[in-house]
């Protein structure tokens, strides 16, 4: 669970903190906020998926991107891009690569509206 990684600064207190978040999720949202896990949800996707991750990310451990990539292994339209930099820092050609992804993914699916 990502929360255990993110709240590591709380040392052993992270465990009751995370469990309280799960309890609050049950009370306020009526369900288990840990299910489906991101990996379980990703494994069911058949749509195009693009994941950007960095080994230098100071907030989300790179292992989470690796787990998603593994879960998406049967999706031929899933891509993992590994860059450098801290959280929310983009690689130089991010915009071009994102535009290419959308162009490739939407090819033949866009119809003109009202024409």
PDB file of N, CA and C in Angstrom:
ATOM      1  N   UNK A   1       0.848  -1.172   0.000  1.00  0.00           N
ATOM      2  CA  UNK A   1       0.000   0.000   0.000  1.00  0.00           C
ATOM      3  C   UNK A   1       0.894   1.236   0.000  1.00  0.00           C
ATOM      4  N   UNK A   2       0.578   2.147  -0.872  1.00  0.00           N
ATOM      5  CA  UNK A   2       1.362   3.367  -1.037  1.00  0.00           C
ATOM      6  C   UNK A   2       1.451   4.176   0.253  1.00  0.00           C
ATOM      7  N   UNK A   3       0.384   4.204   1.016  1.00  0.00           N
ATOM      8  CA  UNK A   3       0.380   5.008   2.249  1.00  0.00           C
ATOM      9  C   UNK A   3       1.485   4.582   3.205  1.00  0.00           C
ATOM     10  N   UNK A   4       1.776   3.302   3.279  1.00  0.00           N
ATOM     11  CA  UNK A   4       2.845   2.850   4.179  1.00  0.00           C
ATOM     12  C   UNK A   4       4.201   3.379   3.729  1.00  0.00           C
ATOM     13  N   UNK A   5       4.385   3.509   2.418  1.00  0.00           N
ATOM     14  CA  UNK A   5       5.625   4.084   1.906  1.00  0.00           C
ATOM     15  C   UNK A   5       5.670   5.592   2.129  1.00  0.00           C
ATOM     16  N   UNK A   6       4.552   6.247   1.877  1.00  0.00           N
ATOM     17  CA  UNK A   6       4.516   7.700   1.981  1.00  0.00           C
ATOM     18  C   UNK A   6       4.645   8.202   3.418  1.00  0.00           C
ATOM     19  N   UNK A   7       4.119   7.435   4.349  1.00  0.00           N
ATOM     20  CA  UNK A   7       4.143   7.873   5.738  1.00  0.00           C
ATOM     21  C   UNK A   7       5.248   7.202   6.536  1.00  0.00           C
ATOM     22  N   UNK A   8       6.291   6.775   5.860  1.00  0.00           N
ATOM     23  CA  UNK A   8       7.431   6.153   6.528  1.00  0.00           C
ATOM     24  C   UNK A   8       8.097   7.051   7.553  1.00  0.00           C
ATOM     25  N   UNK A   9       7.932   8.364   7.371  1.00  0.00           N
ATOM     26  CA  UNK A   9       8.532   9.314   8.307  1.00  0.00           C
ATOM     27  C   UNK A   9       7.969   9.161   9.708  1.00  0.00           C
ATOM     28  N   UNK A  10       6.800   8.528   9.825  1.00  0.00           N
ATOM     29  CA  UNK A  10       6.183   8.348  11.137  1.00  0.00           C
ATOM     30  C   UNK A  10       6.668   7.087  11.843  1.00  0.00           C
ATOM     31  N   UNK A  11       7.589   6.374  11.211  1.00  0.00           N
ATOM     32  CA  UNK A  11       8.207   5.161  11.742  1.00  0.00           C
ATOM     33  C   UNK A  11       7.126   4.158  12.112  1.00  0.00           C
ATOM     34  N   UNK A  12       7.068   3.674  13.342  1.00  0.00           N
ATOM     35  CA  UNK A  12       6.076   2.659  13.695  1.00  0.00           C
ATOM     36  C   UNK A  12       4.665   3.233  13.793  1.00  0.00           C
ATOM     37  N   UNK A  13       4.551   4.548  13.943  1.00  0.00           N
ATOM     38  CA  UNK A  13       3.225   5.160  14.008  1.00  0.00           C
ATOM     39  C   UNK A  13       2.502   5.128  12.662  1.00  0.00           C
ATOM     40  N   UNK A  14       3.255   4.848  11.600  1.00  0.00           N
ATOM     41  CA  UNK A  14       2.601   4.796  10.290  1.00  0.00           C
ATOM     42  C   UNK A  14       1.552   3.684  10.239  1.00  0.00           C
ATOM     43  N   UNK A  15       1.773   2.592  10.960  1.00  0.00           N
ATOM     44  CA  UNK A  15       0.833   1.466  10.894  1.00  0.00           C
ATOM     45  C   UNK A  15      -0.531   1.829  11.471  1.00  0.00           C
ATOM     46  N   UNK A  16      -0.609   2.388  12.689  1.00  0.00           N
ATOM     47  CA  UNK A  16      -1.950   2.782  13.150  1.00  0.00           C
ATOM     48  C   UNK A  16      -2.539   3.919  12.307  1.00  0.00           C
ATOM     49  N   UNK A  17      -1.696   4.805  11.799  1.00  0.00           N
ATOM     50  CA  UNK A  17      -2.174   5.905  10.958  1.00  0.00           C
ATOM     51  C   UNK A  17      -2.825   5.361   9.693  1.00  0.00           C
ATOM     52  N   UNK A  18      -2.160   4.425   9.040  1.00  0.00           N
ATOM     53  CA  UNK A  18      -2.704   3.838   7.806  1.00  0.00           C
ATOM     54  C   UNK A  18      -3.964   3.037   8.108  1.00  0.00           C
ATOM     55  N   UNK A  19      -3.954   2.286   9.183  1.00  0.00           N
ATOM     56  CA  UNK A  19      -5.141   1.502   9.526  1.00  0.00           C
ATOM     57  C   UNK A  19      -6.325   2.409   9.850  1.00  0.00           C
ATOM     58  N   UNK A  20      -6.063   3.563  10.473  1.00  0.00           N
ATOM     59  CA  UNK A  20      -7.132   4.530  10.715  1.00  0.00           C
ATOM     60  C   UNK A  20      -7.692   5.068   9.403  1.00  0.00           C
ATOM     61  N   UNK A  21      -6.824   5.286   8.418  1.00  0.00           N
ATOM     62  CA  UNK A  21      -7.301   5.742   7.106  1.00  0.00           C
ATOM     63  C   UNK A  21      -8.215   4.689   6.482  1.00  0.00           C
ATOM     64  N   UNK A  22      -7.843   3.425   6.608  1.00  0.00           N
ATOM     65  CA  UNK A  22      -8.672   2.345   6.066  1.00  0.00           C
ATOM     66  C   UNK A  22     -10.017   2.303   6.791  1.00  0.00           C
ATOM     67  N   UNK A  23      -9.990   2.445   8.112  1.00  0.00           N
ATOM     68  CA  UNK A  23     -11.224   2.468   8.896  1.00  0.00           C
ATOM     69  C   UNK A  23     -12.101   3.648   8.498  1.00  0.00           C
ATOM     70  N   UNK A  24     -11.515   4.832   8.368  1.00  0.00           N
ATOM     71  CA  UNK A  24     -12.274   6.006   7.944  1.00  0.00           C
ATOM     72  C   UNK A  24     -12.890   5.784   6.570  1.00  0.00           C
ATOM     73  N   UNK A  25     -12.145   5.129   5.689  1.00  0.00           N
ATOM     74  CA  UNK A  25     -12.686   4.818   4.368  1.00  0.00           C
ATOM     75  C   UNK A  25     -13.922   3.947   4.457  1.00  0.00           C
ATOM     76  N   UNK A  26     -13.883   2.965   5.348  1.00  0.00           N
ATOM     77  CA  UNK A  26     -15.055   2.095   5.529  1.00  0.00           C
ATOM     78  C   UNK A  26     -16.240   2.886   6.100  1.00  0.00           C
ATOM     79  N   UNK A  27     -15.944   3.741   7.074  1.00  0.00           N
ATOM     80  CA  UNK A  27     -17.012   4.506   7.721  1.00  0.00           C
ATOM     81  C   UNK A  27     -17.621   5.555   6.795  1.00  0.00           C
ATOM     82  N   UNK A  28     -16.771   6.308   6.102  1.00  0.00           N
ATOM     83  CA  UNK A  28     -17.258   7.438   5.312  1.00  0.00           C
ATOM     84  C   UNK A  28     -17.599   7.091   3.866  1.00  0.00           C
ATOM     85  N   UNK A  29     -16.934   6.083   3.307  1.00  0.00           N
ATOM     86  CA  UNK A  29     -17.177   5.719   1.911  1.00  0.00           C
ATOM     87  C   UNK A  29     -17.886   4.383   1.766  1.00  0.00           C
ATOM     88  N   UNK A  30     -18.014   3.667   2.874  1.00  0.00           N
ATOM     89  CA  UNK A  30     -18.743   2.410   2.846  1.00  0.00           C
ATOM     90  C   UNK A  30     -18.021   1.261   2.170  1.00  0.00           C
ATOM     91  N   UNK A  31     -16.711   1.356   2.069  1.00  0.00           N
ATOM     92  CA  UNK A  31     -15.979   0.270   1.428  1.00  0.00           C
ATOM     93  C   UNK A  31     -14.514   0.272   1.795  1.00  0.00           C
ATOM     94  N   UNK A  32     -13.827  -0.707   1.287  1.00  0.00           N
ATOM     95  CA  UNK A  32     -12.398  -0.873   1.531  1.00  0.00           C
ATOM     96  C   UNK A  32     -11.619  -0.053   0.510  1.00  0.00           C
ATOM     97  N   UNK A  33     -10.971   1.009   0.966  1.00  0.00           N
ATOM     98  CA  UNK A  33     -10.242   1.886   0.046  1.00  0.00           C
ATOM     99  C   UNK A  33      -8.971   1.243  -0.492  1.00  0.00           C
ATOM    100  N   UNK A  34      -8.627   0.067   0.002  1.00  0.00           N
ATOM    101  CA  UNK A  34      -7.434  -0.621  -0.505  1.00  0.00           C
ATOM    102  C   UNK A  34      -7.780  -1.601  -1.630  1.00  0.00           C
ATOM    103  N   UNK A  35      -9.084  -1.720  -1.965  1.00  0.00           N
ATOM    104  CA  UNK A  35      -9.514  -2.649  -3.000  1.00  0.00           C
ATOM    105  C   UNK A  35     -10.385  -1.934  -4.017  1.00  0.00           C
ATOM    106  N   UNK A  36     -10.221  -2.158  -5.254  1.00  0.00           N
ATOM    107  CA  UNK A  36      -9.131  -2.963  -5.787  1.00  0.00           C
ATOM    108  C   UNK A  36      -7.819  -2.215  -5.660  1.00  0.00           C
ATOM    109  N   UNK A  37      -6.768  -2.957  -5.523  1.00  0.00           N
ATOM    110  CA  UNK A  37      -5.449  -2.329  -5.478  1.00  0.00           C
ATOM    111  C   UNK A  37      -5.142  -1.774  -6.860  1.00  0.00           C
ATOM    112  N   UNK A  38      -4.219  -0.834  -6.966  1.00  0.00           N
ATOM    113  CA  UNK A  38      -3.856  -0.327  -8.296  1.00  0.00           C
ATOM    114  C   UNK A  38      -3.428  -1.446  -9.249  1.00  0.00           C
ATOM    115  N   UNK A  39      -2.719  -2.440  -8.733  1.00  0.00           N
ATOM    116  CA  UNK A  39      -2.288  -3.551  -9.589  1.00  0.00           C
ATOM    117  C   UNK A  39      -3.480  -4.361 -10.080  1.00  0.00           C
ATOM    118  N   UNK A  40      -4.440  -4.622  -9.190  1.00  0.00           N
ATOM    119  CA  UNK A  40      -5.624  -5.386  -9.587  1.00  0.00           C
ATOM    120  C   UNK A  40      -6.419  -4.619 -10.637  1.00  0.00           C
ATOM    121  N   UNK A  41      -6.569  -3.324 -10.433  1.00  0.00           N
ATOM    122  CA  UNK A  41      -7.316  -2.508 -11.396  1.00  0.00           C
ATOM    123  C   UNK A  41      -6.575  -2.437 -12.733  1.00  0.00           C
ATOM    124  N   UNK A  42      -5.266  -2.231 -12.693  1.00  0.00           N
ATOM    125  CA  UNK A  42      -4.474  -2.121 -13.926  1.00  0.00           C
ATOM    126  C   UNK A  42      -4.510  -3.414 -14.726  1.00  0.00           C
ATOM    127  N   UNK A  43      -4.511  -4.535 -14.054  1.00  0.00           N
ATOM    128  CA  UNK A  43      -4.503  -5.828 -14.750  1.00  0.00           C
ATOM    129  C   UNK A  43      -5.759  -6.026 -15.595  1.00  0.00           C
ATOM    130  N   UNK A  44      -6.835  -5.330 -15.271  1.00  0.00           N
ATOM    131  CA  UNK A  44      -8.089  -5.462 -16.025  1.00  0.00           C
ATOM    132  C   UNK A  44      -8.199  -4.475 -17.185  1.00  0.00           C
ATOM    133  N   UNK A  45      -7.280  -3.544 -17.277  1.00  0.00           N
ATOM    134  CA  UNK A  45      -7.377  -2.510 -18.310  1.00  0.00           C
ATOM    135  C   UNK A  45      -7.010  -3.041 -19.686  1.00  0.00           C
ATOM    136  N   UNK A  46      -7.789  -2.651 -20.656  1.00  0.00           N
ATOM    137  CA  UNK A  46      -7.477  -2.974 -22.052  1.00  0.00           C
ATOM    138  C   UNK A  46      -7.310  -1.702 -22.872  1.00  0.00           C
ATOM    139  N   UNK A  47      -7.537  -0.567 -22.245  1.00  0.00           N
ATOM    140  CA  UNK A  47      -7.401   0.724 -22.917  1.00  0.00           C
ATOM    141  C   UNK A  47      -5.936   1.147 -22.931  1.00  0.00           C
ATOM    142  N   UNK A  48      -5.580   2.116 -23.767  1.00  0.00           N
ATOM    143  CA  UNK A  48      -4.199   2.619 -23.741  1.00  0.00           C
ATOM    144  C   UNK A  48      -3.875   3.236 -22.379  1.00  0.00           C
ATOM    145  N   UNK A  49      -2.696   2.927 -21.890  1.00  0.00           N
ATOM    146  CA  UNK A  49      -2.247   3.428 -20.594  1.00  0.00           C
ATOM    147  C   UNK A  49      -0.818   3.917 -20.749  1.00  0.00           C
ATOM    148  N   UNK A  50      -0.548   5.083 -20.229  1.00  0.00           N
ATOM    149  CA  UNK A  50       0.812   5.609 -20.240  1.00  0.00           C
ATOM    150  C   UNK A  50       1.197   5.951 -18.805  1.00  0.00           C
ATOM    151  N   UNK A  51       2.282   5.380 -18.333  1.00  0.00           N
ATOM    152  CA  UNK A  51       2.781   5.626 -16.982  1.00  0.00           C
ATOM    153  C   UNK A  51       4.131   6.314 -17.098  1.00  0.00           C
ATOM    154  N   UNK A  52       4.288   7.384 -16.350  1.00  0.00           N
ATOM    155  CA  UNK A  52       5.568   8.092 -16.269  1.00  0.00           C
ATOM    156  C   UNK A  52       6.085   7.933 -14.853  1.00  0.00           C
ATOM    157  N   UNK A  53       7.342   7.556 -14.724  1.00  0.00           N
ATOM    158  CA  UNK A  53       7.932   7.357 -13.403  1.00  0.00           C
ATOM    159  C   UNK A  53       9.398   7.757 -13.426  1.00  0.00           C
ATOM    160  N   UNK A  54       9.919   7.990 -12.245  1.00  0.00           N
ATOM    161  CA  UNK A  54      11.325   8.350 -12.099  1.00  0.00           C
ATOM    162  C   UNK A  54      11.919   7.588 -10.926  1.00  0.00           C
ATOM    163  N   UNK A  55      13.108   7.100 -11.127  1.00  0.00           N
ATOM    164  CA  UNK A  55      13.814   6.444 -10.028  1.00  0.00           C
ATOM    165  C   UNK A  55      14.223   7.455  -8.960  1.00  0.00           C
ATOM    166  N   UNK A  56      14.216   8.739  -9.314  1.00  0.00           N
ATOM    167  CA  UNK A  56      14.601   9.801  -8.387  1.00  0.00           C
ATOM    168  C   UNK A  56      13.405  10.422  -7.666  1.00  0.00           C
ATOM    169  N   UNK A  57      12.200   9.934  -7.941  1.00  0.00           N
ATOM    170  CA  UNK A  57      10.992  10.519  -7.348  1.00  0.00           C
ATOM    171  C   UNK A  57      11.120  10.514  -5.825  1.00  0.00           C
ATOM    172  N   UNK A  58      10.879  11.659  -5.233  1.00  0.00           N
ATOM    173  CA  UNK A  58      11.010  11.787  -3.780  1.00  0.00           C
ATOM    174  C   UNK A  58       9.697  11.528  -3.047  1.00  0.00           C
ATOM    175  N   UNK A  59       8.632  11.176  -3.789  1.00  0.00           N
ATOM    176  CA  UNK A  59       7.349  10.916  -3.139  1.00  0.00           C
ATOM    177  C   UNK A  59       6.808   9.521  -3.407  1.00  0.00           C
ATOM    178  N   UNK A  60       6.873   9.073  -4.648  1.00  0.00           N
ATOM    179  CA  UNK A  60       6.336   7.758  -5.005  1.00  0.00           C
ATOM    180  C   UNK A  60       7.506   6.828  -5.344  1.00  0.00           C
ATOM    181  N   UNK A  61       7.708   5.781  -4.571  1.00  0.00           N
ATOM    182  CA  UNK A  61       8.807   4.851  -4.867  1.00  0.00           C
ATOM    183  C   UNK A  61       8.651   4.225  -6.257  1.00  0.00           C
ATOM    184  N   UNK A  62       9.767   4.069  -6.951  1.00  0.00           N
ATOM    185  CA  UNK A  62       9.760   3.524  -8.309  1.00  0.00           C
ATOM    186  C   UNK A  62       9.173   2.116  -8.351  1.00  0.00           C
ATOM    187  N   UNK A  63       9.264   1.387  -7.270  1.00  0.00           N
ATOM    188  CA  UNK A  63       8.716   0.029  -7.216  1.00  0.00           C
ATOM    189  C   UNK A  63       7.226   0.004  -7.546  1.00  0.00           C
ATOM    190  N   UNK A  64       6.515   1.088  -7.262  1.00  0.00           N
ATOM    191  CA  UNK A  64       5.084   1.142  -7.591  1.00  0.00           C
ATOM    192  C   UNK A  64       4.882   1.150  -9.106  1.00  0.00           C
ATOM    193  N   UNK A  65       5.713   1.857  -9.829  1.00  0.00           N
ATOM    194  CA  UNK A  65       5.627   1.848 -11.298  1.00  0.00           C
ATOM    195  C   UNK A  65       5.967   0.465 -11.845  1.00  0.00           C
ATOM    196  N   UNK A  66       6.944  -0.175 -11.240  1.00  0.00           N
ATOM    197  CA  UNK A  66       7.312  -1.528 -11.687  1.00  0.00           C
ATOM    198  C   UNK A  66       6.174  -2.512 -11.455  1.00  0.00           C
ATOM    199  N   UNK A  67       5.478  -2.380 -10.343  1.00  0.00           N
ATOM    200  CA  UNK A  67       4.340  -3.270 -10.081  1.00  0.00           C
ATOM    201  C   UNK A  67       3.207  -3.016 -11.074  1.00  0.00           C
ATOM    202  N   UNK A  68       2.965  -1.744 -11.398  1.00  0.00           N
ATOM    203  CA  UNK A  68       1.938  -1.445 -12.399  1.00  0.00           C
ATOM    204  C   UNK A  68       2.331  -1.972 -13.772  1.00  0.00           C
ATOM    205  N   UNK A  69       3.599  -1.826 -14.115  1.00  0.00           N
ATOM    206  CA  UNK A  69       4.064  -2.342 -15.407  1.00  0.00           C
ATOM    207  C   UNK A  69       3.858  -3.854 -15.485  1.00  0.00           C
ATOM    208  N   UNK A  70       4.167  -4.538 -14.417  1.00  0.00           N
ATOM    209  CA  UNK A  70       3.972  -5.993 -14.382  1.00  0.00           C
ATOM    210  C   UNK A  70       2.487  -6.341 -14.514  1.00  0.00           C
ATOM    211  N   UNK A  71       1.627  -5.584 -13.826  1.00  0.00           N
ATOM    212  CA  UNK A  71       0.189  -5.832 -13.902  1.00  0.00           C
ATOM    213  C   UNK A  71      -0.358  -5.562 -15.297  1.00  0.00           C
ATOM    214  N   UNK A  72       0.273  -4.643 -16.019  1.00  0.00           N
ATOM    215  CA  UNK A  72      -0.166  -4.281 -17.371  1.00  0.00           C
ATOM    216  C   UNK A  72       0.507  -5.117 -18.463  1.00  0.00           C
ATOM    217  N   UNK A  73       1.232  -6.146 -18.081  1.00  0.00           N
ATOM    218  CA  UNK A  73       2.014  -6.932 -19.040  1.00  0.00           C
ATOM    219  C   UNK A  73       1.173  -7.499 -20.186  1.00  0.00           C
ATOM    220  N   UNK A  74      -0.090  -7.794 -19.951  1.00  0.00           N
ATOM    221  CA  UNK A  74      -0.951  -8.354 -21.002  1.00  0.00           C
ATOM    222  C   UNK A  74      -1.670  -7.291 -21.821  1.00  0.00           C
ATOM    223  N   UNK A  75      -1.380  -6.031 -21.536  1.00  0.00           N
ATOM    224  CA  UNK A  75      -2.010  -4.935 -22.276  1.00  0.00           C
ATOM    225  C   UNK A  75      -0.986  -4.392 -23.282  1.00  0.00           C
ATOM    226  N   UNK A  76      -1.141  -4.713 -24.567  1.00  0.00           N
ATOM    227  CA  UNK A  76      -0.164  -4.256 -25.558  1.00  0.00           C
ATOM    228  C   UNK A  76      -0.172  -2.742 -25.760  1.00  0.00           C
ATOM    229  N   UNK A  77      -1.189  -2.064 -25.230  1.00  0.00           N
ATOM    230  CA  UNK A  77      -1.286  -0.615 -25.399  1.00  0.00           C
ATOM    231  C   UNK A  77      -0.828   0.142 -24.155  1.00  0.00           C
ATOM    232  N   UNK A  78      -0.121  -0.548 -23.267  1.00  0.00           N
ATOM    233  CA  UNK A  78       0.399   0.096 -22.055  1.00  0.00           C
ATOM    234  C   UNK A  78       1.869   0.432 -22.257  1.00  0.00           C
ATOM    235  N   UNK A  79       2.248   1.609 -21.781  1.00  0.00           N
ATOM    236  CA  UNK A  79       3.629   2.076 -21.911  1.00  0.00           C
ATOM    237  C   UNK A  79       4.128   2.590 -20.566  1.00  0.00           C
ATOM    238  N   UNK A  80       5.375   2.281 -20.260  1.00  0.00           N
ATOM    239  CA  UNK A  80       6.039   2.857 -19.091  1.00  0.00           C
ATOM    240  C   UNK A  80       7.202   3.688 -19.592  1.00  0.00           C
ATOM    241  N   UNK A  81       7.233   4.941 -19.181  1.00  0.00           N
ATOM    242  CA  UNK A  81       8.335   5.833 -19.522  1.00  0.00           C
ATOM    243  C   UNK A  81       9.085   6.157 -18.242  1.00  0.00           C
ATOM    244  N   UNK A  82      10.366   5.901 -18.253  1.00  0.00           N
ATOM    245  CA  UNK A  82      11.194   6.155 -17.084  1.00  0.00           C
ATOM    246  C   UNK A  82      12.046   7.383 -17.364  1.00  0.00           C
ATOM    247  N   UNK A  83      11.902   8.372 -16.509  1.00  0.00           N
ATOM    248  CA  UNK A  83      12.668   9.601 -16.653  1.00  0.00           C
ATOM    249  C   UNK A  83      13.559   9.815 -15.444  1.00  0.00           C
ATOM    250  N   UNK A  84      14.119  10.984 -15.379  1.00  0.00           N
ATOM    251  CA  UNK A  84      14.948  11.374 -14.226  1.00  0.00           C
ATOM    252  C   UNK A  84      14.306  12.597 -13.597  1.00  0.00           C
ATOM    253  N   UNK A  85      14.492  12.755 -12.334  1.00  0.00           N
ATOM    254  CA  UNK A  85      13.988  13.949 -11.676  1.00  0.00           C
ATOM    255  C   UNK A  85      13.085  13.629 -10.509  1.00  0.00           C
ATOM    256  N   UNK A  86      12.786  14.674  -9.756  1.00  0.00           N
ATOM    257  CA  UNK A  86      11.929  14.537  -8.595  1.00  0.00           C
ATOM    258  C   UNK A  86      10.469  14.457  -9.022  1.00  0.00           C
ATOM    259  N   UNK A  87       9.592  14.305  -8.063  1.00  0.00           N
ATOM    260  CA  UNK A  87       8.165  14.189  -8.326  1.00  0.00           C
ATOM    261  C   UNK A  87       7.672  15.420  -9.093  1.00  0.00           C
ATOM    262  N   UNK A  88       6.936  15.199 -10.153  1.00  0.00           N
ATOM    263  CA  UNK A  88       6.357  16.237 -11.018  1.00  0.00           C
ATOM    264  C   UNK A  88       7.368  16.973 -11.886  1.00  0.00           C
ATOM    265  N   UNK A  89       8.603  16.549 -11.934  1.00  0.00           N
ATOM    266  CA  UNK A  89       9.546  17.113 -12.901  1.00  0.00           C
ATOM    267  C   UNK A  89       9.425  16.300 -14.182  1.00  0.00           C
ATOM    268  N   UNK A  90       9.308  16.993 -15.306  1.00  0.00           N
ATOM    269  CA  UNK A  90       9.096  16.320 -16.582  1.00  0.00           C
ATOM    270  C   UNK A  90      10.380  16.231 -17.386  1.00  0.00           C
ATOM    271  N   UNK A  91      10.472  15.182 -18.172  1.00  0.00           N
ATOM    272  CA  UNK A  91      11.596  15.041 -19.098  1.00  0.00           C
ATOM    273  C   UNK A  91      11.428  16.058 -20.218  1.00  0.00           C
ATOM    274  N   UNK A  92      12.522  16.369 -20.911  1.00  0.00           N
ATOM    275  CA  UNK A  92      12.510  17.424 -21.922  1.00  0.00           C
ATOM    276  C   UNK A  92      11.471  17.207 -23.018  1.00  0.00           C
ATOM    277  N   UNK A  93      11.314  15.980 -23.481  1.00  0.00           N
ATOM    278  CA  UNK A  93      10.400  15.733 -24.599  1.00  0.00           C
ATOM    279  C   UNK A  93       9.046  15.178 -24.133  1.00  0.00           C
ATOM    280  N   UNK A  94       8.666  15.484 -22.915  1.00  0.00           N
ATOM    281  CA  UNK A  94       7.405  14.979 -22.354  1.00  0.00           C
ATOM    282  C   UNK A  94       6.204  15.325 -23.234  1.00  0.00           C
ATOM    283  N   UNK A  95       6.066  16.602 -23.597  1.00  0.00           N
ATOM    284  CA  UNK A  95       4.902  17.028 -24.373  1.00  0.00           C
ATOM    285  C   UNK A  95       4.818  16.296 -25.712  1.00  0.00           C
ATOM    286  N   UNK A  96       5.942  16.155 -26.394  1.00  0.00           N
ATOM    287  CA  UNK A  96       5.938  15.448 -27.683  1.00  0.00           C
ATOM    288  C   UNK A  96       5.534  13.995 -27.498  1.00  0.00           C
ATOM    289  N   UNK A  97       6.107  13.336 -26.489  1.00  0.00           N
ATOM    290  CA  UNK A  97       5.813  11.927 -26.271  1.00  0.00           C
ATOM    291  C   UNK A  97       4.367  11.714 -25.837  1.00  0.00           C
ATOM    292  N   UNK A  98       3.835  12.653 -25.061  1.00  0.00           N
ATOM    293  CA  UNK A  98       2.439  12.564 -24.654  1.00  0.00           C
ATOM    294  C   UNK A  98       1.519  12.764 -25.862  1.00  0.00           C
ATOM    295  N   UNK A  99       1.843  13.745 -26.695  1.00  0.00           N
ATOM    296  CA  UNK A  99       1.045  13.983 -27.908  1.00  0.00           C
ATOM    297  C   UNK A  99       1.110  12.773 -28.837  1.00  0.00           C
ATOM    298  N   UNK A 100       2.289  12.174 -28.988  1.00  0.00           N
ATOM    299  CA  UNK A 100       2.428  10.974 -29.819  1.00  0.00           C
ATOM    300  C   UNK A 100       1.573   9.826 -29.281  1.00  0.00           C
ATOM    301  N   UNK A 101       1.561   9.681 -27.961  1.00  0.00           N
ATOM    302  CA  UNK A 101       0.759   8.629 -27.334  1.00  0.00           C
ATOM    303  C   UNK A 101      -0.723   8.822 -27.644  1.00  0.00           C
ATOM    304  N   UNK A 102      -1.209  10.059 -27.483  1.00  0.00           N
ATOM    305  CA  UNK A 102      -2.620  10.316 -27.770  1.00  0.00           C
ATOM    306  C   UNK A 102      -2.920  10.149 -29.253  1.00  0.00           C
ATOM    307  N   UNK A 103      -2.039  10.616 -30.101  1.00  0.00           N
ATOM    308  CA  UNK A 103      -2.265  10.471 -31.547  1.00  0.00           C
ATOM    309  C   UNK A 103      -2.349   8.996 -31.931  1.00  0.00           C
ATOM    310  N   UNK A 104      -1.435   8.205 -31.406  1.00  0.00           N
ATOM    311  CA  UNK A 104      -1.426   6.766 -31.697  1.00  0.00           C
ATOM    312  C   UNK A 104      -2.653   6.085 -31.097  1.00  0.00           C
ATOM    313  N   UNK A 105      -3.005   6.447 -29.875  1.00  0.00           N
ATOM    314  CA  UNK A 105      -4.116   5.793 -29.181  1.00  0.00           C
ATOM    315  C   UNK A 105      -5.470   6.165 -29.760  1.00  0.00           C
ATOM    316  N   UNK A 106      -5.592   7.379 -30.277  1.00  0.00           N
ATOM    317  CA  UNK A 106      -6.874   7.852 -30.777  1.00  0.00           C
ATOM    318  C   UNK A 106      -7.006   7.743 -32.289  1.00  0.00           C
ATOM    319  N   UNK A 107      -5.980   7.238 -32.930  1.00  0.00           N
ATOM    320  CA  UNK A 107      -5.977   7.130 -34.391  1.00  0.00           C
ATOM    321  C   UNK A 107      -7.220   6.374 -34.863  1.00  0.00           C
ATOM    322  N   UNK A 108      -7.994   7.004 -35.728  1.00  0.00           N
ATOM    323  CA  UNK A 108      -9.190   6.390 -36.286  1.00  0.00           C
ATOM    324  C   UNK A 108     -10.399   6.438 -35.366  1.00  0.00           C
ATOM    325  N   UNK A 109     -10.251   7.001 -34.178  1.00  0.00           N
ATOM    326  CA  UNK A 109     -11.361   7.040 -33.229  1.00  0.00           C
ATOM    327  C   UNK A 109     -11.999   8.427 -33.125  1.00  0.00           C
ATOM    328  N   UNK A 110     -11.332   9.434 -33.629  1.00  0.00           N
ATOM    329  CA  UNK A 110     -11.864  10.785 -33.532  1.00  0.00           C
ATOM    330  C   UNK A 110     -12.759  11.039 -34.735  1.00  0.00           C
ATOM    331  N   UNK A 111     -13.967  11.483 -34.464  1.00  0.00           N
ATOM    332  CA  UNK A 111     -14.891  11.833 -35.543  1.00  0.00           C
ATOM    333  C   UNK A 111     -15.212  13.311 -35.424  1.00  0.00           C
ATOM    334  N   UNK A 112     -15.509  13.922 -36.509  1.00  0.00           N
ATOM    335  CA  UNK A 112     -15.839  15.348 -36.453  1.00  0.00           C
ATOM    336  C   UNK A 112     -17.223  15.518 -35.837  1.00  0.00           C
ATOM    337  N   UNK A 113     -17.348  16.516 -35.025  1.00  0.00           N
ATOM    338  CA  UNK A 113     -18.605  16.780 -34.318  1.00  0.00           C
ATOM    339  C   UNK A 113     -19.468  17.716 -35.160  1.00  0.00           C
ATOM    340  N   UNK A 114     -20.644  17.274 -35.514  1.00  0.00           N
ATOM    341  CA  UNK A 114     -21.600  18.127 -36.213  1.00  0.00           C
ATOM    342  C   UNK A 114     -21.233  18.424 -37.656  1.00  0.00           C
ATOM    343  N   UNK A 115     -20.346  17.677 -38.254  1.00  0.00           N
ATOM    344  CA  UNK A 115     -19.978  17.941 -39.660  1.00  0.00           C
ATOM    345  C   UNK A 115     -20.379  16.790 -40.525  1.00  0.00           C
TER     346      UNK A 115
END
